[in-house]
């Protein structure tokens, strides 16, 4: 998503399907007073996350 947005000159937060866009809209809704639940990523991070994706286990 980021590469596509960069190539088109669009900010990533304006793409509706991007994680950054969803997080930005959720934050804006919270600032406006809505009760929006946190979206926590269940993906493993760091080198272990990379290895899981690389090996096809995630």
PDB file of N, CA and C in Angstrom:
ATOM      1  N   UNK A   1       0.807  -1.194   0.000  1.00  0.00           N
ATOM      2  CA  UNK A   1       0.000   0.000   0.000  1.00  0.00           C
ATOM      3  C   UNK A   1       0.850   1.257   0.000  1.00  0.00           C
ATOM      4  N   UNK A   2       1.875   1.290   0.827  1.00  0.00           N
ATOM      5  CA  UNK A   2       2.685   2.495   0.936  1.00  0.00           C
ATOM      6  C   UNK A   2       3.356   2.832  -0.381  1.00  0.00           C
ATOM      7  N   UNK A   3       3.863   1.815  -1.073  1.00  0.00           N
ATOM      8  CA  UNK A   3       4.542   2.066  -2.343  1.00  0.00           C
ATOM      9  C   UNK A   3       3.566   2.610  -3.373  1.00  0.00           C
ATOM     10  N   UNK A   4       2.377   2.060  -3.424  1.00  0.00           N
ATOM     11  CA  UNK A   4       1.367   2.540  -4.371  1.00  0.00           C
ATOM     12  C   UNK A   4       1.027   3.991  -4.067  1.00  0.00           C
ATOM     13  N   UNK A   5       0.825   4.314  -2.790  1.00  0.00           N
ATOM     14  CA  UNK A   5       0.488   5.685  -2.409  1.00  0.00           C
ATOM     15  C   UNK A   5       1.631   6.629  -2.732  1.00  0.00           C
ATOM     16  N   UNK A   6       2.850   6.198  -2.481  1.00  0.00           N
ATOM     17  CA  UNK A   6       4.002   7.045  -2.762  1.00  0.00           C
ATOM     18  C   UNK A   6       4.141   7.292  -4.253  1.00  0.00           C
ATOM     19  N   UNK A   7       3.952   6.261  -5.048  1.00  0.00           N
ATOM     20  CA  UNK A   7       4.063   6.414  -6.504  1.00  0.00           C
ATOM     21  C   UNK A   7       3.001   7.355  -7.059  1.00  0.00           C
ATOM     22  N   UNK A   8       1.836   7.375  -6.437  1.00  0.00           N
ATOM     23  CA  UNK A   8       0.758   8.247  -6.901  1.00  0.00           C
ATOM     24  C   UNK A   8       0.811   9.621  -6.242  1.00  0.00           C
ATOM     25  N   UNK A   9       1.651   9.782  -5.230  1.00  0.00           N
ATOM     26  CA  UNK A   9       1.733  11.058  -4.531  1.00  0.00           C
ATOM     27  C   UNK A   9       0.630  11.258  -3.518  1.00  0.00           C
ATOM     28  N   UNK A  10       0.010  10.166  -3.061  1.00  0.00           N
ATOM     29  CA  UNK A  10      -1.062  10.243  -2.074  1.00  0.00           C
ATOM     30  C   UNK A  10      -0.534   9.898  -0.683  1.00  0.00           C
ATOM     31  N   UNK A  11      -1.035  10.575   0.348  1.00  0.00           N
ATOM     32  CA  UNK A  11      -0.690  10.155   1.706  1.00  0.00           C
ATOM     33  C   UNK A  11      -1.309   8.775   1.991  1.00  0.00           C
ATOM     34  N   UNK A  12      -0.585   7.931   2.686  1.00  0.00           N
ATOM     35  CA  UNK A  12      -1.063   6.575   2.980  1.00  0.00           C
ATOM     36  C   UNK A  12      -2.359   6.581   3.785  1.00  0.00           C
ATOM     37  N   UNK A  13      -2.554   7.597   4.618  1.00  0.00           N
ATOM     38  CA  UNK A  13      -3.747   7.623   5.466  1.00  0.00           C
ATOM     39  C   UNK A  13      -5.022   7.871   4.673  1.00  0.00           C
ATOM     40  N   UNK A  14      -4.901   8.287   3.417  1.00  0.00           N
ATOM     41  CA  UNK A  14      -6.090   8.510   2.596  1.00  0.00           C
ATOM     42  C   UNK A  14      -6.555   7.258   1.872  1.00  0.00           C
ATOM     43  N   UNK A  15      -5.764   6.202   1.907  1.00  0.00           N
ATOM     44  CA  UNK A  15      -6.172   4.951   1.270  1.00  0.00           C
ATOM     45  C   UNK A  15      -7.093   4.195   2.224  1.00  0.00           C
ATOM     46  N   UNK A  16      -8.329   3.919   1.825  1.00  0.00           N
ATOM     47  CA  UNK A  16      -9.284   3.299   2.742  1.00  0.00           C
ATOM     48  C   UNK A  16      -8.892   1.897   3.194  1.00  0.00           C
ATOM     49  N   UNK A  17      -8.162   1.157   2.373  1.00  0.00           N
ATOM     50  CA  UNK A  17      -7.838  -0.225   2.738  1.00  0.00           C
ATOM     51  C   UNK A  17      -6.507  -0.356   3.473  1.00  0.00           C
ATOM     52  N   UNK A  18      -5.785   0.741   3.683  1.00  0.00           N
ATOM     53  CA  UNK A  18      -4.485   0.649   4.348  1.00  0.00           C
ATOM     54  C   UNK A  18      -4.650   0.638   5.867  1.00  0.00           C
ATOM     55  N   UNK A  19      -3.728  -0.030   6.548  1.00  0.00           N
ATOM     56  CA  UNK A  19      -3.756  -0.049   8.009  1.00  0.00           C
ATOM     57  C   UNK A  19      -3.577   1.348   8.570  1.00  0.00           C
ATOM     58  N   UNK A  20      -2.718   2.131   7.945  1.00  0.00           N
ATOM     59  CA  UNK A  20      -2.494   3.502   8.392  1.00  0.00           C
ATOM     60  C   UNK A  20      -3.761   4.334   8.244  1.00  0.00           C
ATOM     61  N   UNK A  21      -4.476   4.130   7.146  1.00  0.00           N
ATOM     62  CA  UNK A  21      -5.720   4.858   6.925  1.00  0.00           C
ATOM     63  C   UNK A  21      -6.777   4.510   7.946  1.00  0.00           C
ATOM     64  N   UNK A  22      -6.899   3.217   8.244  1.00  0.00           N
ATOM     65  CA  UNK A  22      -7.882   2.801   9.256  1.00  0.00           C
ATOM     66  C   UNK A  22      -7.530   3.362  10.624  1.00  0.00           C
ATOM     67  N   UNK A  23      -6.244   3.304  10.983  1.00  0.00           N
ATOM     68  CA  UNK A  23      -5.812   3.814  12.285  1.00  0.00           C
ATOM     69  C   UNK A  23      -6.054   5.323  12.383  1.00  0.00           C
ATOM     70  N   UNK A  24      -5.779   6.045  11.306  1.00  0.00           N
ATOM     71  CA  UNK A  24      -5.990   7.491  11.281  1.00  0.00           C
ATOM     72  C   UNK A  24      -7.471   7.834  11.464  1.00  0.00           C
ATOM     73  N   UNK A  25      -8.337   7.132  10.737  1.00  0.00           N
ATOM     74  CA  UNK A  25      -9.771   7.399  10.860  1.00  0.00           C
ATOM     75  C   UNK A  25     -10.284   7.029  12.246  1.00  0.00           C
ATOM     76  N   UNK A  26      -9.796   5.911  12.802  1.00  0.00           N
ATOM     77  CA  UNK A  26     -10.193   5.529  14.163  1.00  0.00           C
ATOM     78  C   UNK A  26      -9.779   6.599  15.171  1.00  0.00           C
ATOM     79  N   UNK A  27      -8.561   7.117  15.041  1.00  0.00           N
ATOM     80  CA  UNK A  27      -8.069   8.146  15.949  1.00  0.00           C
ATOM     81  C   UNK A  27      -8.913   9.416  15.829  1.00  0.00           C
ATOM     82  N   UNK A  28      -9.253   9.790  14.607  1.00  0.00           N
ATOM     83  CA  UNK A  28     -10.074  10.978  14.403  1.00  0.00           C
ATOM     84  C   UNK A  28     -11.458  10.797  15.024  1.00  0.00           C
ATOM     85  N   UNK A  29     -12.026   9.611  14.885  1.00  0.00           N
ATOM     86  CA  UNK A  29     -13.340   9.339  15.493  1.00  0.00           C
ATOM     87  C   UNK A  29     -13.258   9.392  17.008  1.00  0.00           C
ATOM     88  N   UNK A  30     -12.158   8.903  17.586  1.00  0.00           N
ATOM     89  CA  UNK A  30     -11.984   8.984  19.040  1.00  0.00           C
ATOM     90  C   UNK A  30     -11.894  10.439  19.489  1.00  0.00           C
ATOM     91  N   UNK A  31     -11.191  11.258  18.714  1.00  0.00           N
ATOM     92  CA  UNK A  31     -11.064  12.677  19.062  1.00  0.00           C
ATOM     93  C   UNK A  31     -12.408  13.397  18.993  1.00  0.00           C
ATOM     94  N   UNK A  32     -13.302  12.902  18.156  1.00  0.00           N
ATOM     95  CA  UNK A  32     -14.638  13.487  18.048  1.00  0.00           C
ATOM     96  C   UNK A  32     -15.595  12.944  19.106  1.00  0.00           C
ATOM     97  N   UNK A  33     -15.103  12.059  19.961  1.00  0.00           N
ATOM     98  CA  UNK A  33     -15.906  11.580  21.085  1.00  0.00           C
ATOM     99  C   UNK A  33     -16.543  10.217  20.908  1.00  0.00           C
ATOM    100  N   UNK A  34     -16.329   9.568  19.782  1.00  0.00           N
ATOM    101  CA  UNK A  34     -16.909   8.235  19.579  1.00  0.00           C
ATOM    102  C   UNK A  34     -16.110   7.194  20.359  1.00  0.00           C
ATOM    103  N   UNK A  35     -16.788   6.155  20.784  1.00  0.00           N
ATOM    104  CA  UNK A  35     -16.127   5.036  21.453  1.00  0.00           C
ATOM    105  C   UNK A  35     -15.718   4.025  20.388  1.00  0.00           C
ATOM    106  N   UNK A  36     -14.483   4.095  19.969  1.00  0.00           N
ATOM    107  CA  UNK A  36     -13.970   3.222  18.918  1.00  0.00           C
ATOM    108  C   UNK A  36     -12.981   2.244  19.544  1.00  0.00           C
ATOM    109  N   UNK A  37     -13.205   0.930  19.405  1.00  0.00           N
ATOM    110  CA  UNK A  37     -12.284  -0.038  20.006  1.00  0.00           C
ATOM    111  C   UNK A  37     -10.916  -0.009  19.327  1.00  0.00           C
ATOM    112  N   UNK A  38      -9.891  -0.360  20.099  1.00  0.00           N
ATOM    113  CA  UNK A  38      -8.541  -0.425  19.557  1.00  0.00           C
ATOM    114  C   UNK A  38      -8.402  -1.645  18.665  1.00  0.00           C
ATOM    115  N   UNK A  39      -7.706  -1.477  17.567  1.00  0.00           N
ATOM    116  CA  UNK A  39      -7.405  -2.601  16.667  1.00  0.00           C
ATOM    117  C   UNK A  39      -5.964  -3.008  16.935  1.00  0.00           C
ATOM    118  N   UNK A  40      -5.795  -4.093  17.626  1.00  0.00           N
ATOM    119  CA  UNK A  40      -4.455  -4.559  17.942  1.00  0.00           C
ATOM    120  C   UNK A  40      -4.035  -5.623  16.946  1.00  0.00           C
ATOM    121  N   UNK A  41      -2.827  -5.496  16.485  1.00  0.00           N
ATOM    122  CA  UNK A  41      -2.299  -6.443  15.513  1.00  0.00           C
ATOM    123  C   UNK A  41      -1.872  -7.720  16.216  1.00  0.00           C
ATOM    124  N   UNK A  42      -2.270  -8.842  15.674  1.00  0.00           N
ATOM    125  CA  UNK A  42      -1.871 -10.130  16.238  1.00  0.00           C
ATOM    126  C   UNK A  42      -0.651 -10.684  15.521  1.00  0.00           C
ATOM    127  N   UNK A  43      -0.103  -9.914  14.590  1.00  0.00           N
ATOM    128  CA  UNK A  43       1.044 -10.390  13.828  1.00  0.00           C
ATOM    129  C   UNK A  43       2.308 -10.346  14.676  1.00  0.00           C
ATOM    130  N   UNK A  44       3.112 -11.407  14.618  1.00  0.00           N
ATOM    131  CA  UNK A  44       4.399 -11.348  15.309  1.00  0.00           C
ATOM    132  C   UNK A  44       5.306 -10.325  14.641  1.00  0.00           C
ATOM    133  N   UNK A  45       6.072  -9.614  15.453  1.00  0.00           N
ATOM    134  CA  UNK A  45       6.943  -8.572  14.914  1.00  0.00           C
ATOM    135  C   UNK A  45       8.396  -8.989  15.020  1.00  0.00           C
ATOM    136  N   UNK A  46       9.234  -8.197  14.423  1.00  0.00           N
ATOM    137  CA  UNK A  46      10.669  -8.422  14.508  1.00  0.00           C
ATOM    138  C   UNK A  46      11.119  -9.573  13.618  1.00  0.00           C
ATOM    139  N   UNK A  47      12.265 -10.104  13.972  1.00  0.00           N
ATOM    140  CA  UNK A  47      12.866 -11.165  13.150  1.00  0.00           C
ATOM    141  C   UNK A  47      12.012 -12.426  13.154  1.00  0.00           C
ATOM    142  N   UNK A  48      11.367 -12.722  14.280  1.00  0.00           N
ATOM    143  CA  UNK A  48      10.523 -13.923  14.336  1.00  0.00           C
ATOM    144  C   UNK A  48       9.307 -13.772  13.417  1.00  0.00           C
ATOM    145  N   UNK A  49       8.726 -12.597  13.376  1.00  0.00           N
ATOM    146  CA  UNK A  49       7.611 -12.353  12.467  1.00  0.00           C
ATOM    147  C   UNK A  49       8.027 -12.492  11.019  1.00  0.00           C
ATOM    148  N   UNK A  50       9.215 -11.968  10.702  1.00  0.00           N
ATOM    149  CA  UNK A  50       9.741 -12.098   9.348  1.00  0.00           C
ATOM    150  C   UNK A  50       9.939 -13.566   8.990  1.00  0.00           C
ATOM    151  N   UNK A  51      10.523 -14.332   9.914  1.00  0.00           N
ATOM    152  CA  UNK A  51      10.774 -15.747   9.635  1.00  0.00           C
ATOM    153  C   UNK A  51       9.471 -16.527   9.473  1.00  0.00           C
ATOM    154  N   UNK A  52       8.464 -16.211  10.281  1.00  0.00           N
ATOM    155  CA  UNK A  52       7.165 -16.890  10.134  1.00  0.00           C
ATOM    156  C   UNK A  52       6.562 -16.614   8.764  1.00  0.00           C
ATOM    157  N   UNK A  53       6.607 -15.352   8.342  1.00  0.00           N
ATOM    158  CA  UNK A  53       6.073 -15.026   7.020  1.00  0.00           C
ATOM    159  C   UNK A  53       6.892 -15.676   5.919  1.00  0.00           C
ATOM    160  N   UNK A  54       8.209 -15.655   6.071  1.00  0.00           N
ATOM    161  CA  UNK A  54       9.103 -16.217   5.058  1.00  0.00           C
ATOM    162  C   UNK A  54       8.892 -17.709   4.904  1.00  0.00           C
ATOM    163  N   UNK A  55       8.676 -18.393   6.027  1.00  0.00           N
ATOM    164  CA  UNK A  55       8.492 -19.841   5.997  1.00  0.00           C
ATOM    165  C   UNK A  55       7.037 -20.224   5.683  1.00  0.00           C
ATOM    166  N   UNK A  56       6.157 -19.238   5.616  1.00  0.00           N
ATOM    167  CA  UNK A  56       4.764 -19.505   5.280  1.00  0.00           C
ATOM    168  C   UNK A  56       3.948 -20.052   6.433  1.00  0.00           C
ATOM    169  N   UNK A  57       4.376 -19.775   7.655  1.00  0.00           N
ATOM    170  CA  UNK A  57       3.658 -20.306   8.821  1.00  0.00           C
ATOM    171  C   UNK A  57       2.651 -19.317   9.364  1.00  0.00           C
ATOM    172  N   UNK A  58       2.618 -18.091   8.872  1.00  0.00           N
ATOM    173  CA  UNK A  58       1.712 -17.100   9.444  1.00  0.00           C
ATOM    174  C   UNK A  58       0.510 -16.908   8.600  1.00  0.00           C
TER     175      UNK A  58
END
